[in-house]
Amino acid sequence: MLTTLGVMAQKADVASLKEAELNRFKVMVAQDEAGLQAVLHDDLIYNHSNAATDTKTSYINSIVSKKTVYAAIESEELTPRLYGKMGIITGIATVKNQTKEGNFTFNHLRYTDVWIFEGKRWQMVSWQSTKLPN
């Protein structure tokens, strides 16, 4: 799948970190298991805005099984900072989820995520988000 190719052979710079983040949003929406495996670090801790926590395995399973369906993710603000081979991104995004009944819900989120550059690519190792008022 084309979206998976964007996560390989990157440089440890701010531009590639931002690209990795935007690609991660794409593979989440596409339910691209290989893309998710590549962009998420094995030690991932994903803290959702509702206080639920996932590991890499449980998070990917929730997307691939369609327990969680991301219909769209729009980045409103994305500020990457680089510290050697570690990157931190703070941002604001609107996440459109689809329920089992086919309805849509929207979450306006402020988030911080942490990335490490390992295996010639950026991998997200931590996510924490907070819901913003609509």
N, C-alpha and C. Protein backbone atom coordinates (compact mmCIF):
# COMPACT_ATOMS: atom_id res chain seq x y z
N MET A 1 0.85 -1.18 0.00
CA MET A 1 0.00 0.00 0.00
C MET A 1 0.89 1.24 0.00
N LEU A 2 0.50 2.22 -0.76
CA LEU A 2 1.31 3.43 -0.94
C LEU A 2 1.59 4.16 0.36
N THR A 3 0.61 4.24 1.27
CA THR A 3 0.83 4.98 2.51
C THR A 3 1.94 4.36 3.35
N THR A 4 2.12 3.05 3.24
CA THR A 4 3.16 2.38 4.01
C THR A 4 4.54 2.83 3.55
N LEU A 5 4.71 3.11 2.28
CA LEU A 5 6.02 3.47 1.75
C LEU A 5 6.55 4.76 2.34
N GLY A 6 5.69 5.67 2.76
CA GLY A 6 6.12 6.95 3.29
C GLY A 6 6.85 6.86 4.61
N VAL A 7 6.82 5.72 5.29
CA VAL A 7 7.44 5.64 6.61
C VAL A 7 8.84 5.05 6.56
N MET A 8 9.33 4.67 5.42
CA MET A 8 10.63 4.03 5.33
C MET A 8 11.71 5.03 4.90
N ALA A 9 12.94 4.73 5.27
CA ALA A 9 14.13 5.45 4.84
C ALA A 9 14.00 6.97 4.98
N GLN A 10 13.78 7.41 6.20
CA GLN A 10 13.66 8.84 6.47
C GLN A 10 14.97 9.36 7.05
N LYS A 11 15.05 10.67 7.18
CA LYS A 11 16.17 11.33 7.86
C LYS A 11 15.65 11.81 9.20
N ALA A 12 16.55 11.93 10.18
CA ALA A 12 16.16 12.42 11.50
C ALA A 12 16.17 13.95 11.49
N ASP A 13 15.16 14.54 10.81
CA ASP A 13 15.05 15.99 10.79
C ASP A 13 13.59 16.39 11.03
N VAL A 14 13.37 17.68 11.23
CA VAL A 14 12.04 18.18 11.56
C VAL A 14 11.04 17.90 10.44
N ALA A 15 11.46 18.07 9.20
CA ALA A 15 10.56 17.85 8.06
C ALA A 15 10.09 16.40 8.01
N SER A 16 10.98 15.45 8.21
CA SER A 16 10.59 14.04 8.16
C SER A 16 9.75 13.64 9.37
N LEU A 17 9.98 14.29 10.51
CA LEU A 17 9.16 14.04 11.69
C LEU A 17 7.72 14.49 11.43
N LYS A 18 7.56 15.67 10.87
CA LYS A 18 6.23 16.17 10.53
C LYS A 18 5.57 15.24 9.50
N GLU A 19 6.32 14.81 8.52
CA GLU A 19 5.81 13.89 7.50
C GLU A 19 5.37 12.57 8.13
N ALA A 20 6.15 12.08 9.09
CA ALA A 20 5.79 10.82 9.77
C ALA A 20 4.46 10.96 10.51
N GLU A 21 4.26 12.10 11.16
CA GLU A 21 3.01 12.34 11.88
C GLU A 21 1.82 12.36 10.93
N LEU A 22 1.94 13.10 9.84
CA LEU A 22 0.84 13.19 8.88
C LEU A 22 0.59 11.84 8.21
N ASN A 23 1.66 11.08 7.96
CA ASN A 23 1.50 9.74 7.40
C ASN A 23 0.81 8.81 8.39
N ARG A 24 1.13 8.98 9.68
CA ARG A 24 0.48 8.15 10.70
C ARG A 24 -1.03 8.37 10.66
N PHE A 25 -1.45 9.61 10.54
CA PHE A 25 -2.89 9.89 10.44
C PHE A 25 -3.48 9.16 9.23
N LYS A 26 -2.76 9.17 8.11
CA LYS A 26 -3.25 8.51 6.89
C LYS A 26 -3.39 6.99 7.07
N VAL A 27 -2.39 6.36 7.68
CA VAL A 27 -2.47 4.90 7.84
C VAL A 27 -3.53 4.51 8.87
N MET A 28 -3.80 5.39 9.83
CA MET A 28 -4.89 5.13 10.78
C MET A 28 -6.23 5.12 10.05
N VAL A 29 -6.46 6.13 9.22
CA VAL A 29 -7.72 6.23 8.46
C VAL A 29 -7.82 5.07 7.47
N ALA A 30 -6.71 4.70 6.84
CA ALA A 30 -6.71 3.63 5.84
C ALA A 30 -6.78 2.24 6.46
N GLN A 31 -6.66 2.14 7.78
CA GLN A 31 -6.62 0.86 8.49
C GLN A 31 -5.50 -0.02 7.92
N ASP A 32 -4.38 0.61 7.66
CA ASP A 32 -3.22 -0.02 7.04
C ASP A 32 -2.36 -0.67 8.13
N GLU A 33 -2.55 -1.96 8.32
CA GLU A 33 -1.85 -2.66 9.40
C GLU A 33 -0.33 -2.59 9.24
N ALA A 34 0.17 -2.81 8.02
CA ALA A 34 1.63 -2.75 7.80
C ALA A 34 2.15 -1.34 8.08
N GLY A 35 1.40 -0.33 7.66
CA GLY A 35 1.81 1.05 7.93
C GLY A 35 1.82 1.36 9.41
N LEU A 36 0.82 0.86 10.13
CA LEU A 36 0.77 1.06 11.58
C LEU A 36 1.92 0.34 12.27
N GLN A 37 2.21 -0.88 11.84
CA GLN A 37 3.33 -1.63 12.42
C GLN A 37 4.63 -0.86 12.25
N ALA A 38 4.80 -0.21 11.10
CA ALA A 38 6.04 0.50 10.82
C ALA A 38 6.17 1.81 11.58
N VAL A 39 5.07 2.54 11.76
CA VAL A 39 5.13 3.88 12.33
C VAL A 39 4.98 3.89 13.86
N LEU A 40 4.52 2.80 14.45
CA LEU A 40 4.36 2.72 15.89
C LEU A 40 5.47 1.88 16.50
N HIS A 41 6.10 2.39 17.53
CA HIS A 41 7.19 1.69 18.21
C HIS A 41 6.63 0.54 19.04
N ASP A 42 7.43 -0.50 19.20
CA ASP A 42 6.99 -1.66 19.98
C ASP A 42 6.63 -1.31 21.43
N ASP A 43 7.23 -0.27 21.98
CA ASP A 43 6.97 0.15 23.36
C ASP A 43 5.85 1.19 23.47
N LEU A 44 5.06 1.36 22.42
CA LEU A 44 4.03 2.39 22.40
C LEU A 44 3.08 2.32 23.60
N ILE A 45 2.84 3.49 24.19
CA ILE A 45 1.77 3.68 25.16
C ILE A 45 0.89 4.78 24.57
N TYR A 46 -0.37 4.45 24.27
CA TYR A 46 -1.30 5.36 23.62
C TYR A 46 -2.39 5.72 24.62
N ASN A 47 -2.32 6.93 25.16
CA ASN A 47 -3.29 7.41 26.14
C ASN A 47 -4.36 8.24 25.42
N HIS A 48 -5.55 7.67 25.34
CA HIS A 48 -6.66 8.33 24.66
C HIS A 48 -7.23 9.47 25.50
N SER A 49 -8.00 10.33 24.86
CA SER A 49 -8.60 11.48 25.55
C SER A 49 -9.67 11.06 26.55
N ASN A 50 -10.14 9.81 26.47
CA ASN A 50 -11.14 9.31 27.43
C ASN A 50 -10.48 8.54 28.58
N ALA A 51 -9.16 8.60 28.67
CA ALA A 51 -8.34 7.97 29.72
C ALA A 51 -8.07 6.49 29.48
N ALA A 52 -8.57 5.92 28.38
CA ALA A 52 -8.22 4.54 28.03
C ALA A 52 -6.77 4.51 27.55
N THR A 53 -6.12 3.39 27.75
CA THR A 53 -4.73 3.23 27.35
C THR A 53 -4.57 1.99 26.48
N ASP A 54 -3.78 2.12 25.43
CA ASP A 54 -3.48 0.99 24.55
C ASP A 54 -1.98 0.80 24.44
N THR A 55 -1.59 -0.44 24.12
CA THR A 55 -0.23 -0.77 23.71
C THR A 55 -0.24 -0.78 22.18
N LYS A 56 0.90 -1.00 21.59
CA LYS A 56 0.96 -1.09 20.13
C LYS A 56 0.03 -2.18 19.63
N THR A 57 0.10 -3.35 20.23
CA THR A 57 -0.72 -4.48 19.78
C THR A 57 -2.20 -4.21 19.94
N SER A 58 -2.62 -3.72 21.09
CA SER A 58 -4.06 -3.49 21.30
C SER A 58 -4.57 -2.35 20.44
N TYR A 59 -3.73 -1.34 20.20
CA TYR A 59 -4.15 -0.21 19.38
C TYR A 59 -4.33 -0.64 17.92
N ILE A 60 -3.35 -1.35 17.38
CA ILE A 60 -3.47 -1.82 16.01
C ILE A 60 -4.66 -2.76 15.87
N ASN A 61 -4.84 -3.65 16.84
CA ASN A 61 -5.98 -4.57 16.78
C ASN A 61 -7.31 -3.82 16.77
N SER A 62 -7.42 -2.75 17.53
CA SER A 62 -8.68 -2.00 17.57
C SER A 62 -8.98 -1.35 16.22
N ILE A 63 -7.95 -0.95 15.49
CA ILE A 63 -8.14 -0.33 14.18
C ILE A 63 -8.42 -1.39 13.11
N VAL A 64 -7.62 -2.45 13.10
CA VAL A 64 -7.77 -3.50 12.08
C VAL A 64 -9.10 -4.24 12.24
N SER A 65 -9.54 -4.44 13.48
CA SER A 65 -10.82 -5.13 13.74
C SER A 65 -12.03 -4.21 13.55
N LYS A 66 -11.75 -2.93 13.31
CA LYS A 66 -12.78 -1.90 13.12
C LYS A 66 -13.57 -1.60 14.40
N LYS A 67 -12.99 -1.97 15.55
CA LYS A 67 -13.57 -1.52 16.82
C LYS A 67 -13.47 0.01 16.89
N THR A 68 -12.35 0.53 16.40
CA THR A 68 -12.14 1.97 16.26
C THR A 68 -12.01 2.27 14.78
N VAL A 69 -12.88 3.14 14.27
CA VAL A 69 -12.81 3.52 12.86
C VAL A 69 -12.57 5.02 12.76
N TYR A 70 -11.40 5.37 12.26
CA TYR A 70 -11.06 6.77 12.01
C TYR A 70 -11.51 7.09 10.59
N ALA A 71 -12.55 7.91 10.46
CA ALA A 71 -13.05 8.29 9.14
C ALA A 71 -12.20 9.41 8.55
N ALA A 72 -11.68 10.29 9.39
CA ALA A 72 -10.83 11.38 8.94
C ALA A 72 -10.09 11.98 10.13
N ILE A 73 -8.90 12.49 9.87
CA ILE A 73 -8.13 13.20 10.88
C ILE A 73 -7.57 14.44 10.21
N GLU A 74 -7.93 15.61 10.74
CA GLU A 74 -7.45 16.87 10.19
C GLU A 74 -6.54 17.56 11.20
N SER A 75 -5.33 17.81 10.76
CA SER A 75 -4.36 18.50 11.61
C SER A 75 -4.59 20.00 11.48
N GLU A 76 -4.82 20.66 12.61
CA GLU A 76 -5.01 22.12 12.62
C GLU A 76 -3.72 22.83 13.02
N GLU A 77 -2.97 22.19 13.85
CA GLU A 77 -1.72 22.77 14.35
C GLU A 77 -0.78 21.61 14.61
N LEU A 78 0.47 21.75 14.18
CA LEU A 78 1.43 20.67 14.35
C LEU A 78 2.81 21.31 14.54
N THR A 79 3.36 21.19 15.75
CA THR A 79 4.65 21.80 16.04
C THR A 79 5.65 20.71 16.42
N PRO A 80 6.53 20.34 15.48
CA PRO A 80 7.56 19.34 15.80
C PRO A 80 8.80 19.98 16.39
N ARG A 81 9.39 19.31 17.37
CA ARG A 81 10.67 19.74 17.95
C ARG A 81 11.58 18.54 17.98
N LEU A 82 12.84 18.75 17.69
CA LEU A 82 13.79 17.67 17.56
C LEU A 82 14.86 17.77 18.64
N TYR A 83 15.18 16.64 19.27
CA TYR A 83 16.22 16.54 20.28
C TYR A 83 17.06 15.32 19.95
N GLY A 84 18.00 15.49 19.05
CA GLY A 84 18.80 14.35 18.60
C GLY A 84 17.92 13.39 17.81
N LYS A 85 17.84 12.17 18.28
CA LYS A 85 17.01 11.16 17.60
C LYS A 85 15.67 10.97 18.30
N MET A 86 15.27 11.98 19.07
CA MET A 86 13.96 11.98 19.69
C MET A 86 13.22 13.23 19.25
N GLY A 87 11.95 13.07 18.95
CA GLY A 87 11.13 14.20 18.54
C GLY A 87 9.87 14.27 19.38
N ILE A 88 9.43 15.49 19.63
CA ILE A 88 8.17 15.72 20.34
C ILE A 88 7.31 16.59 19.44
N ILE A 89 6.06 16.18 19.30
CA ILE A 89 5.12 16.97 18.52
C ILE A 89 3.98 17.39 19.43
N THR A 90 3.65 18.66 19.40
CA THR A 90 2.43 19.15 20.03
C THR A 90 1.53 19.64 18.90
N GLY A 91 0.24 19.41 19.09
CA GLY A 91 -0.66 19.80 18.02
C GLY A 91 -2.11 19.82 18.43
N ILE A 92 -2.92 20.21 17.47
CA ILE A 92 -4.37 20.19 17.60
C ILE A 92 -4.91 19.49 16.36
N ALA A 93 -5.84 18.57 16.57
CA ALA A 93 -6.42 17.84 15.45
C ALA A 93 -7.90 17.60 15.71
N THR A 94 -8.65 17.49 14.63
CA THR A 94 -10.04 17.08 14.71
C THR A 94 -10.11 15.66 14.18
N VAL A 95 -10.65 14.77 15.00
CA VAL A 95 -10.75 13.36 14.65
C VAL A 95 -12.22 13.00 14.45
N LYS A 96 -12.50 12.46 13.27
CA LYS A 96 -13.86 12.01 12.93
C LYS A 96 -13.87 10.49 13.00
N ASN A 97 -14.63 9.97 13.96
CA ASN A 97 -14.78 8.52 14.11
C ASN A 97 -16.14 8.08 13.59
N GLN A 98 -16.18 6.83 13.14
CA GLN A 98 -17.46 6.25 12.72
C GLN A 98 -17.85 5.16 13.71
N THR A 99 -19.10 5.23 14.19
CA THR A 99 -19.60 4.24 15.13
C THR A 99 -20.05 2.99 14.39
N LYS A 100 -20.30 1.92 15.13
CA LYS A 100 -20.79 0.67 14.52
C LYS A 100 -22.10 0.88 13.78
N GLU A 101 -22.88 1.84 14.24
CA GLU A 101 -24.18 2.13 13.61
C GLU A 101 -24.03 3.00 12.36
N GLY A 102 -22.83 3.45 12.08
CA GLY A 102 -22.59 4.27 10.89
C GLY A 102 -22.65 5.77 11.15
N ASN A 103 -22.89 6.15 12.39
CA ASN A 103 -22.91 7.58 12.75
C ASN A 103 -21.47 8.08 12.93
N PHE A 104 -21.33 9.40 12.94
CA PHE A 104 -20.00 9.99 13.11
C PHE A 104 -19.94 10.79 14.40
N THR A 105 -18.80 10.70 15.06
CA THR A 105 -18.52 11.52 16.22
C THR A 105 -17.25 12.31 15.93
N PHE A 106 -17.13 13.45 16.58
CA PHE A 106 -15.97 14.30 16.36
C PHE A 106 -15.30 14.60 17.69
N ASN A 107 -13.98 14.51 17.70
CA ASN A 107 -13.20 14.90 18.86
C ASN A 107 -12.20 15.96 18.42
N HIS A 108 -12.24 17.09 19.12
CA HIS A 108 -11.28 18.16 18.89
C HIS A 108 -10.22 17.99 19.97
N LEU A 109 -8.99 17.66 19.58
CA LEU A 109 -7.98 17.24 20.53
C LEU A 109 -6.74 18.13 20.51
N ARG A 110 -6.21 18.38 21.69
CA ARG A 110 -4.85 18.92 21.83
C ARG A 110 -4.01 17.71 22.26
N TYR A 111 -2.87 17.54 21.62
CA TYR A 111 -2.09 16.33 21.90
C TYR A 111 -0.59 16.60 21.97
N THR A 112 0.07 15.67 22.59
CA THR A 112 1.53 15.60 22.60
C THR A 112 1.90 14.17 22.27
N ASP A 113 2.80 14.00 21.32
CA ASP A 113 3.32 12.66 21.10
C ASP A 113 4.83 12.70 21.01
N VAL A 114 5.43 11.56 21.32
CA VAL A 114 6.87 11.42 21.37
C VAL A 114 7.29 10.38 20.34
N TRP A 115 8.32 10.71 19.60
CA TRP A 115 8.84 9.85 18.54
C TRP A 115 10.31 9.57 18.77
N ILE A 116 10.76 8.40 18.32
CA ILE A 116 12.19 8.12 18.29
C ILE A 116 12.57 7.70 16.87
N PHE A 117 13.78 8.08 16.48
CA PHE A 117 14.28 7.70 15.17
C PHE A 117 15.10 6.44 15.35
N GLU A 118 14.57 5.34 14.83
CA GLU A 118 15.18 4.03 15.02
C GLU A 118 14.88 3.19 13.79
N GLY A 119 15.83 2.39 13.33
CA GLY A 119 15.60 1.56 12.16
C GLY A 119 15.39 2.38 10.90
N LYS A 120 16.06 3.53 10.80
CA LYS A 120 15.99 4.43 9.64
C LYS A 120 14.60 5.03 9.42
N ARG A 121 13.82 5.13 10.51
CA ARG A 121 12.50 5.75 10.39
C ARG A 121 12.03 6.25 11.75
N TRP A 122 11.11 7.21 11.71
CA TRP A 122 10.48 7.71 12.92
C TRP A 122 9.42 6.71 13.38
N GLN A 123 9.38 6.49 14.69
CA GLN A 123 8.38 5.61 15.28
C GLN A 123 7.79 6.31 16.51
N MET A 124 6.47 6.36 16.56
CA MET A 124 5.82 7.01 17.70
C MET A 124 5.83 6.05 18.90
N VAL A 125 6.29 6.56 20.03
CA VAL A 125 6.41 5.74 21.23
C VAL A 125 5.42 6.15 22.32
N SER A 126 4.85 7.36 22.22
CA SER A 126 3.90 7.80 23.24
C SER A 126 2.93 8.82 22.65
N TRP A 127 1.67 8.74 23.10
CA TRP A 127 0.61 9.67 22.68
C TRP A 127 -0.22 10.01 23.91
N GLN A 128 -0.54 11.27 24.05
CA GLN A 128 -1.42 11.74 25.13
C GLN A 128 -2.28 12.84 24.54
N SER A 129 -3.60 12.73 24.70
CA SER A 129 -4.48 13.77 24.14
C SER A 129 -5.53 14.18 25.16
N THR A 130 -6.00 15.40 24.96
CA THR A 130 -7.04 16.00 25.80
C THR A 130 -8.11 16.60 24.90
N LYS A 131 -9.37 16.36 25.24
CA LYS A 131 -10.45 16.92 24.44
C LYS A 131 -10.55 18.43 24.68
N LEU A 132 -10.71 19.15 23.58
CA LEU A 132 -10.96 20.59 23.64
C LEU A 132 -12.44 20.83 23.52
N PRO A 133 -12.94 21.95 24.05
CA PRO A 133 -14.37 22.26 23.87
C PRO A 133 -14.67 22.44 22.38
N ASN A 134 -15.84 22.00 21.97
CA ASN A 134 -16.22 22.16 20.55
C ASN A 134 -16.70 23.56 20.25
